[in-house]
Amino acid sequence: MKRAAVLKKLNQAAKEVGKDFSLTELTNHTGVTVGQTRSTLGRHSKIDDDTARKFFDQYAKELGKAWWRK
């Protein structure tokens, strides 16, 4: 999955539930915040599907269980 698609999907899901979405550029990663949950995403152009799923899982508290499958 492309990195831009991962961030776009997360941003759209955050808007749907009314949560704040922000990006912070760090040294080698991008910090992603949705509501009160923060995580980092590497700056690779392609994100492995398993890595993307695990990244999405971190936001289940904010967006609901398995929100990316909807």
C-alpha atoms as a PDB file:
ATOM      1  CA  MET A   1       0.000   0.000   0.000  1.00  0.00           C
ATOM      2  CA  LYS A   2       1.364   3.433  -0.840  1.00  0.00           C
ATOM      3  CA  ARG A   3       2.292   5.679   2.086  1.00  0.00           C
ATOM      4  CA  ALA A   4       0.039   8.459   0.804  1.00  0.00           C
ATOM      5  CA  ALA A   5      -2.914   6.045   0.651  1.00  0.00           C
ATOM      6  CA  VAL A   6      -2.328   4.974   4.268  1.00  0.00           C
ATOM      7  CA  LEU A   7      -2.345   8.578   5.467  1.00  0.00           C
ATOM      8  CA  LYS A   8      -5.337   9.511   3.293  1.00  0.00           C
ATOM      9  CA  LYS A   9      -7.385   6.571   4.607  1.00  0.00           C
ATOM     10  CA  LEU A  10      -6.544   7.488   8.208  1.00  0.00           C
ATOM     11  CA  ASN A  11      -7.375  11.154   7.618  1.00  0.00           C
ATOM     12  CA  GLN A  12     -10.761  10.318   6.062  1.00  0.00           C
ATOM     13  CA  ALA A  13     -11.660   7.962   8.921  1.00  0.00           C
ATOM     14  CA  ALA A  14     -10.739  10.629  11.472  1.00  0.00           C
ATOM     15  CA  LYS A  15     -12.964  13.179   9.722  1.00  0.00           C
ATOM     16  CA  GLU A  16     -15.876  10.721   9.655  1.00  0.00           C
ATOM     17  CA  VAL A  17     -15.837  10.327  13.436  1.00  0.00           C
ATOM     18  CA  GLY A  18     -14.955  13.974  14.145  1.00  0.00           C
ATOM     19  CA  LYS A  19     -11.450  13.412  15.523  1.00  0.00           C
ATOM     20  CA  ASP A  20      -8.498  15.739  15.001  1.00  0.00           C
ATOM     21  CA  PHE A  21      -5.817  14.492  12.579  1.00  0.00           C
ATOM     22  CA  SER A  22      -2.307  15.925  12.469  1.00  0.00           C
ATOM     23  CA  LEU A  23       1.071  15.070  10.973  1.00  0.00           C
ATOM     24  CA  THR A  24       4.445  16.019  12.432  1.00  0.00           C
ATOM     25  CA  GLU A  25       7.606  15.456  10.431  1.00  0.00           C
ATOM     26  CA  LEU A  26      10.281  13.882  12.605  1.00  0.00           C
ATOM     27  CA  THR A  27      13.839  12.918  11.619  1.00  0.00           C
ATOM     28  CA  ASN A  28      13.176   9.602   9.834  1.00  0.00           C
ATOM     29  CA  HIS A  29       9.465   9.123  10.461  1.00  0.00           C
ATOM     30  CA  THR A  30       6.203  11.020  10.351  1.00  0.00           C
ATOM     31  CA  GLY A  31       4.325  11.423  13.614  1.00  0.00           C
ATOM     32  CA  VAL A  32       0.596  10.841  13.172  1.00  0.00           C
ATOM     33  CA  THR A  33      -1.955  11.916  15.771  1.00  0.00           C
ATOM     34  CA  VAL A  34      -5.659  11.052  15.710  1.00  0.00           C
ATOM     35  CA  GLY A  35      -7.559  12.354  18.726  1.00  0.00           C
ATOM     36  CA  GLN A  36      -5.338  11.461  21.689  1.00  0.00           C
ATOM     37  CA  THR A  37      -3.520   8.537  19.993  1.00  0.00           C
ATOM     38  CA  ARG A  38      -0.039   9.085  18.545  1.00  0.00           C
ATOM     39  CA  SER A  39       2.136   6.817  16.442  1.00  0.00           C
ATOM     40  CA  THR A  40       4.886   7.031  13.829  1.00  0.00           C
ATOM     41  CA  LEU A  41       5.059   5.914  10.221  1.00  0.00           C
ATOM     42  CA  GLY A  42       8.309   5.459   8.315  1.00  0.00           C
ATOM     43  CA  ARG A  43       8.998   7.529   5.231  1.00  0.00           C
ATOM     44  CA  HIS A  44       8.971   4.610   2.796  1.00  0.00           C
ATOM     45  CA  SER A  45       7.023   5.091  -0.429  1.00  0.00           C
ATOM     46  CA  LYS A  46       5.424   1.646  -0.089  1.00  0.00           C
ATOM     47  CA  ILE A  47       4.160   0.285   3.233  1.00  0.00           C
ATOM     48  CA  ASP A  48       3.861  -3.485   3.611  1.00  0.00           C
ATOM     49  CA  ASP A  49       0.223  -4.603   4.066  1.00  0.00           C
ATOM     50  CA  ASP A  50       0.970  -6.245   7.425  1.00  0.00           C
ATOM     51  CA  THR A  51       2.704  -3.089   8.632  1.00  0.00           C
ATOM     52  CA  ALA A  52      -0.218  -0.941   7.465  1.00  0.00           C
ATOM     53  CA  ARG A  53      -2.699  -3.205   9.291  1.00  0.00           C
ATOM     54  CA  LYS A  54      -0.669  -3.012  12.519  1.00  0.00           C
ATOM     55  CA  PHE A  55      -0.395   0.768  12.115  1.00  0.00           C
ATOM     56  CA  PHE A  56      -4.174   1.009  11.635  1.00  0.00           C
ATOM     57  CA  ASP A  57      -4.745  -1.253  14.672  1.00  0.00           C
ATOM     58  CA  GLN A  58      -3.075   1.367  16.874  1.00  0.00           C
ATOM     59  CA  TYR A  59      -5.978   3.746  16.175  1.00  0.00           C
ATOM     60  CA  ALA A  60      -8.762   1.267  17.043  1.00  0.00           C
ATOM     61  CA  LYS A  61      -9.436   3.070  20.327  1.00  0.00           C
ATOM     62  CA  GLU A  62     -10.183   6.294  18.443  1.00  0.00           C
ATOM     63  CA  LEU A  63     -11.826   4.920  15.286  1.00  0.00           C
ATOM     64  CA  GLY A  64     -13.344   1.598  16.332  1.00  0.00           C
ATOM     65  CA  LYS A  65     -12.293  -2.019  15.985  1.00  0.00           C
ATOM     66  CA  ALA A  66     -11.237  -2.968  12.415  1.00  0.00           C
ATOM     67  CA  TRP A  67     -12.256   0.486  11.165  1.00  0.00           C
ATOM     68  CA  TRP A  68     -10.105   0.174   8.014  1.00  0.00           C
ATOM     69  CA  ARG A  69     -12.186  -2.751   6.712  1.00  0.00           C
ATOM     70  CA  LYS A  70     -15.382  -0.722   6.501  1.00  0.00           C
END
